Amino acid sequence: MDPNNRVAVKDLSPEWRELVEAARVAREMAYAPYSRFSVGAAVRTASGTVYTGGNIENGVFGLTVCAERVAIWKAISAGDRDLRALAVLTDTGATPCGSCRQVMAEFAKELPVVIADTDGRAWRTSLAELLPHAFPRTNLSGRPELG
């Protein structure tokens, strides 16, 4: 789907609506006093569990963490590493930053993504479209393959 061809969130499948709603709730918990740009993310794993995260800012800006990474790290730290879908919600329908895209690529070769805005519009894309030339772990030749 193209960002110029957004659809109403209510017209998404029930699975995607659930993820967008989880991202909306997570966005409400974001800590964004500096940018005032709250982001919510929700990732579903193969187990069916949904992990959420809101962006967490810090006065030392380099220590700020994006919502997508918070959600993914929660899944990974719970031992749930098979990412299956991700939804992101912002005021404007902004896409994940490059760092978040690379973190997604570490744990998912194919990952469908829905980008939603607070006006109830969304569009579907994929990690491959967002980051067509990720740095794969196979570039680290001579290193053991991670499980």
C-alpha atoms as a PDB file:
ATOM      1  CA  MET A   1       0.000   0.000   0.000  1.00  0.00           C
ATOM      2  CA  ASP A   2       1.161   3.531  -0.717  1.00  0.00           C
ATOM      3  CA  PRO A   3       1.194   6.287   1.962  1.00  0.00           C
ATOM      4  CA  ASN A   4      -0.796   8.418  -0.464  1.00  0.00           C
ATOM      5  CA  ASN A   5      -3.522   5.764  -0.517  1.00  0.00           C
ATOM      6  CA  ARG A   6      -4.418   5.576   3.140  1.00  0.00           C
ATOM      7  CA  VAL A   7      -7.474   3.701   4.280  1.00  0.00           C
ATOM      8  CA  ALA A   8      -9.597   4.063   7.380  1.00  0.00           C
ATOM      9  CA  VAL A   9      -8.276   2.029  10.306  1.00  0.00           C
ATOM     10  CA  LYS A  10     -11.803   0.676  10.728  1.00  0.00           C
ATOM     11  CA  ASP A  11     -11.465  -0.912   7.269  1.00  0.00           C
ATOM     12  CA  LEU A  12      -8.356  -2.901   8.220  1.00  0.00           C
ATOM     13  CA  SER A  13      -8.609  -6.570   9.161  1.00  0.00           C
ATOM     14  CA  PRO A  14      -9.439  -7.335  12.808  1.00  0.00           C
ATOM     15  CA  GLU A  15      -5.836  -8.418  13.428  1.00  0.00           C
ATOM     16  CA  TRP A  16      -4.474  -5.087  12.196  1.00  0.00           C
ATOM     17  CA  ARG A  17      -7.114  -3.082  14.065  1.00  0.00           C
ATOM     18  CA  GLU A  18      -6.064  -4.881  17.267  1.00  0.00           C
ATOM     19  CA  LEU A  19      -2.414  -3.942  16.687  1.00  0.00           C
ATOM     20  CA  VAL A  20      -3.250  -0.316  15.862  1.00  0.00           C
ATOM     21  CA  GLU A  21      -5.375  -0.076  19.009  1.00  0.00           C
ATOM     22  CA  ALA A  22      -2.548  -1.547  21.091  1.00  0.00           C
ATOM     23  CA  ALA A  23      -0.189   1.041  19.558  1.00  0.00           C
ATOM     24  CA  ARG A  24      -2.689   3.785  20.402  1.00  0.00           C
ATOM     25  CA  VAL A  25      -2.786   2.728  24.057  1.00  0.00           C
ATOM     26  CA  ALA A  26       1.023   2.513  24.145  1.00  0.00           C
ATOM     27  CA  ARG A  27       1.267   5.986  22.615  1.00  0.00           C
ATOM     28  CA  GLU A  28      -0.677   7.356  25.572  1.00  0.00           C
ATOM     29  CA  MET A  29       2.122   6.083  27.830  1.00  0.00           C
ATOM     30  CA  ALA A  30       4.917   7.661  25.769  1.00  0.00           C
ATOM     31  CA  TYR A  31       7.296  10.050  27.515  1.00  0.00           C
ATOM     32  CA  ALA A  32       7.954  12.822  24.984  1.00  0.00           C
ATOM     33  CA  PRO A  33       8.324  16.131  26.885  1.00  0.00           C
ATOM     34  CA  TYR A  34      10.993  17.496  24.516  1.00  0.00           C
ATOM     35  CA  SER A  35       9.706  16.729  21.029  1.00  0.00           C
ATOM     36  CA  ARG A  36       6.047  16.471  22.027  1.00  0.00           C
ATOM     37  CA  PHE A  37       5.879  13.800  19.307  1.00  0.00           C
ATOM     38  CA  SER A  38       4.402  10.744  20.974  1.00  0.00           C
ATOM     39  CA  VAL A  39       4.701   7.414  19.185  1.00  0.00           C
ATOM     40  CA  GLY A  40       3.081   4.087  19.960  1.00  0.00           C
ATOM     41  CA  ALA A  41       4.061   0.717  18.548  1.00  0.00           C
ATOM     42  CA  ALA A  42       2.768  -2.817  18.833  1.00  0.00           C
ATOM     43  CA  VAL A  43       4.449  -5.973  17.570  1.00  0.00           C
ATOM     44  CA  ARG A  44       2.789  -9.374  17.272  1.00  0.00           C
ATOM     45  CA  THR A  45       4.979 -12.457  17.489  1.00  0.00           C
ATOM     46  CA  ALA A  46       4.456 -15.993  16.199  1.00  0.00           C
ATOM     47  CA  SER A  47       3.131 -16.955  19.635  1.00  0.00           C
ATOM     48  CA  GLY A  48       0.280 -14.469  19.103  1.00  0.00           C
ATOM     49  CA  THR A  49       1.479 -12.245  21.932  1.00  0.00           C
ATOM     50  CA  VAL A  50       1.358  -8.492  21.356  1.00  0.00           C
ATOM     51  CA  TYR A  51       4.127  -6.373  22.878  1.00  0.00           C
ATOM     52  CA  THR A  52       3.771  -2.609  23.002  1.00  0.00           C
ATOM     53  CA  GLY A  53       5.977   0.389  23.503  1.00  0.00           C
ATOM     54  CA  GLY A  54       5.913   4.160  23.564  1.00  0.00           C
ATOM     55  CA  ASN A  55       8.861   6.376  22.775  1.00  0.00           C
ATOM     56  CA  ILE A  56      10.883   7.414  25.820  1.00  0.00           C
ATOM     57  CA  GLU A  57      12.822  10.658  25.544  1.00  0.00           C
ATOM     58  CA  ASN A  58      15.704  11.875  27.664  1.00  0.00           C
ATOM     59  CA  GLY A  59      17.291  15.261  28.236  1.00  0.00           C
ATOM     60  CA  VAL A  60      20.407  13.716  26.711  1.00  0.00           C
ATOM     61  CA  PHE A  61      18.780  13.224  23.319  1.00  0.00           C
ATOM     62  CA  GLY A  62      21.048  10.359  22.265  1.00  0.00           C
ATOM     63  CA  LEU A  63      19.550   8.275  25.061  1.00  0.00           C
ATOM     64  CA  THR A  64      16.030   8.579  23.672  1.00  0.00           C
ATOM     65  CA  VAL A  65      14.470   5.282  22.547  1.00  0.00           C
ATOM     66  CA  CYS A  66      11.830   4.916  19.855  1.00  0.00           C
ATOM     67  CA  ALA A  67       8.510   3.157  20.471  1.00  0.00           C
ATOM     68  CA  GLU A  68       9.231   0.472  17.893  1.00  0.00           C
ATOM     69  CA  ARG A  69      12.456  -0.557  19.618  1.00  0.00           C
ATOM     70  CA  VAL A  70      10.777  -0.560  23.035  1.00  0.00           C
ATOM     71  CA  ALA A  71       8.093  -2.960  21.754  1.00  0.00           C
ATOM     72  CA  ILE A  72      10.590  -5.191  19.953  1.00  0.00           C
ATOM     73  CA  TRP A  73      13.000  -5.284  22.884  1.00  0.00           C
ATOM     74  CA  LYS A  74      10.144  -6.261  25.204  1.00  0.00           C
ATOM     75  CA  ALA A  75       9.360  -9.200  22.914  1.00  0.00           C
ATOM     76  CA  ILE A  76      12.993 -10.235  22.601  1.00  0.00           C
ATOM     77  CA  SER A  77      13.651  -9.933  26.338  1.00  0.00           C
ATOM     78  CA  ALA A  78      10.651 -12.225  26.926  1.00  0.00           C
ATOM     79  CA  GLY A  79      12.232 -14.803  24.626  1.00  0.00           C
ATOM     80  CA  ASP A  80       9.657 -14.198  21.885  1.00  0.00           C
ATOM     81  CA  ARG A  81      11.881 -13.563  18.848  1.00  0.00           C
ATOM     82  CA  ASP A  82       9.704 -14.470  15.860  1.00  0.00           C
ATOM     83  CA  LEU A  83       8.193 -11.107  14.863  1.00  0.00           C
ATOM     84  CA  ARG A  84       5.153 -11.358  12.584  1.00  0.00           C
ATOM     85  CA  ALA A  85       3.556  -7.876  12.335  1.00  0.00           C
ATOM     86  CA  LEU A  86       4.162  -4.328  13.549  1.00  0.00           C
ATOM     87  CA  ALA A  87       1.883  -1.309  13.848  1.00  0.00           C
ATOM     88  CA  VAL A  88       3.063   2.246  14.512  1.00  0.00           C
ATOM     89  CA  LEU A  89       0.827   5.178  15.448  1.00  0.00           C
ATOM     90  CA  THR A  90       1.781   8.864  15.375  1.00  0.00           C
ATOM     91  CA  ASP A  91      -0.055  12.139  14.870  1.00  0.00           C
ATOM     92  CA  THR A  92       1.086  12.310  11.259  1.00  0.00           C
ATOM     93  CA  GLY A  93       1.503   8.676  10.245  1.00  0.00           C
ATOM     94  CA  ALA A  94       5.305   8.871  10.330  1.00  0.00           C
ATOM     95  CA  THR A  95       7.343   5.814   9.413  1.00  0.00           C
ATOM     96  CA  PRO A  96       9.906   4.170  11.714  1.00  0.00           C
ATOM     97  CA  CYS A  97      13.374   5.725  11.767  1.00  0.00           C
ATOM     98  CA  GLY A  98      16.350   4.000  10.187  1.00  0.00           C
ATOM     99  CA  SER A  99      17.604   2.618  13.497  1.00  0.00           C
ATOM    100  CA  CYS A 100      14.249   0.988  14.188  1.00  0.00           C
ATOM    101  CA  ARG A 101      14.169  -0.457  10.677  1.00  0.00           C
ATOM    102  CA  GLN A 102      17.558  -2.073  11.219  1.00  0.00           C
ATOM    103  CA  VAL A 103      16.439  -3.496  14.584  1.00  0.00           C
ATOM    104  CA  MET A 104      13.384  -4.969  12.843  1.00  0.00           C
ATOM    105  CA  ALA A 105      15.673  -6.522  10.228  1.00  0.00           C
ATOM    106  CA  GLU A 106      17.716  -8.223  12.960  1.00  0.00           C
ATOM    107  CA  PHE A 107      14.674 -10.243  14.011  1.00  0.00           C
ATOM    108  CA  ALA A 108      12.498 -10.504  10.900  1.00  0.00           C
ATOM    109  CA  LYS A 109      13.324 -11.030   7.255  1.00  0.00           C
ATOM    110  CA  GLU A 110       9.757 -10.312   6.217  1.00  0.00           C
ATOM    111  CA  LEU A 111       7.646  -8.098   8.425  1.00  0.00           C
ATOM    112  CA  PRO A 112       4.350  -6.540   7.418  1.00  0.00           C
ATOM    113  CA  VAL A 113       3.945  -3.053   8.885  1.00  0.00           C
ATOM    114  CA  VAL A 114       0.948  -0.757   9.272  1.00  0.00           C
ATOM    115  CA  ILE A 115       1.548   2.948   9.719  1.00  0.00           C
ATOM    116  CA  ALA A 116      -1.393   4.808  11.265  1.00  0.00           C
ATOM    117  CA  ASP A 117      -2.188   8.370  12.244  1.00  0.00           C
ATOM    118  CA  THR A 118      -4.379   9.802  14.980  1.00  0.00           C
ATOM    119  CA  ASP A 119      -7.023  10.798  12.414  1.00  0.00           C
ATOM    120  CA  GLY A 120      -7.856   7.106  11.951  1.00  0.00           C
ATOM    121  CA  ARG A 121      -6.064   6.571   8.640  1.00  0.00           C
ATOM    122  CA  ALA A 122      -3.508   3.887   7.887  1.00  0.00           C
ATOM    123  CA  TRP A 123      -1.432   2.333   5.165  1.00  0.00           C
ATOM    124  CA  ARG A 124       0.279  -0.998   4.923  1.00  0.00           C
ATOM    125  CA  THR A 125       3.884  -1.512   3.924  1.00  0.00           C
ATOM    126  CA  SER A 126       6.651  -3.962   4.747  1.00  0.00           C
ATOM    127  CA  LEU A 127      10.099  -3.990   6.216  1.00  0.00           C
ATOM    128  CA  ALA A 128      11.469  -4.830   2.758  1.00  0.00           C
ATOM    129  CA  GLU A 129       9.881  -1.645   1.367  1.00  0.00           C
ATOM    130  CA  LEU A 130      11.025   0.464   4.313  1.00  0.00           C
ATOM    131  CA  LEU A 131      14.585  -0.922   4.342  1.00  0.00           C
ATOM    132  CA  PRO A 132      15.363  -2.628   1.028  1.00  0.00           C
ATOM    133  CA  HIS A 133      19.066  -3.135   1.734  1.00  0.00           C
ATOM    134  CA  ALA A 134      19.345  -3.949   5.426  1.00  0.00           C
ATOM    135  CA  PHE A 135      22.647  -4.971   6.976  1.00  0.00           C
ATOM    136  CA  PRO A 136      22.147  -8.717   7.467  1.00  0.00           C
ATOM    137  CA  ARG A 137      24.009 -10.667  10.092  1.00  0.00           C
ATOM    138  CA  THR A 138      25.378 -12.841   7.287  1.00  0.00           C
ATOM    139  CA  ASN A 139      27.737  -9.930   6.528  1.00  0.00           C
ATOM    140  CA  LEU A 140      29.582 -10.869   9.693  1.00  0.00           C
ATOM    141  CA  SER A 141      31.397 -13.733   8.006  1.00  0.00           C
ATOM    142  CA  GLY A 142      33.152 -16.184  10.236  1.00  0.00           C
ATOM    143  CA  ARG A 143      30.659 -15.535  13.010  1.00  0.00           C
ATOM    144  CA  PRO A 144      28.311 -18.282  14.190  1.00  0.00           C
ATOM    145  CA  GLU A 145      24.726 -17.935  13.021  1.00  0.00           C
ATOM    146  CA  LEU A 146      22.481 -16.730  15.803  1.00  0.00           C
ATOM    147  CA  GLY A 147      19.353 -18.694  16.703  1.00  0.00           C
END
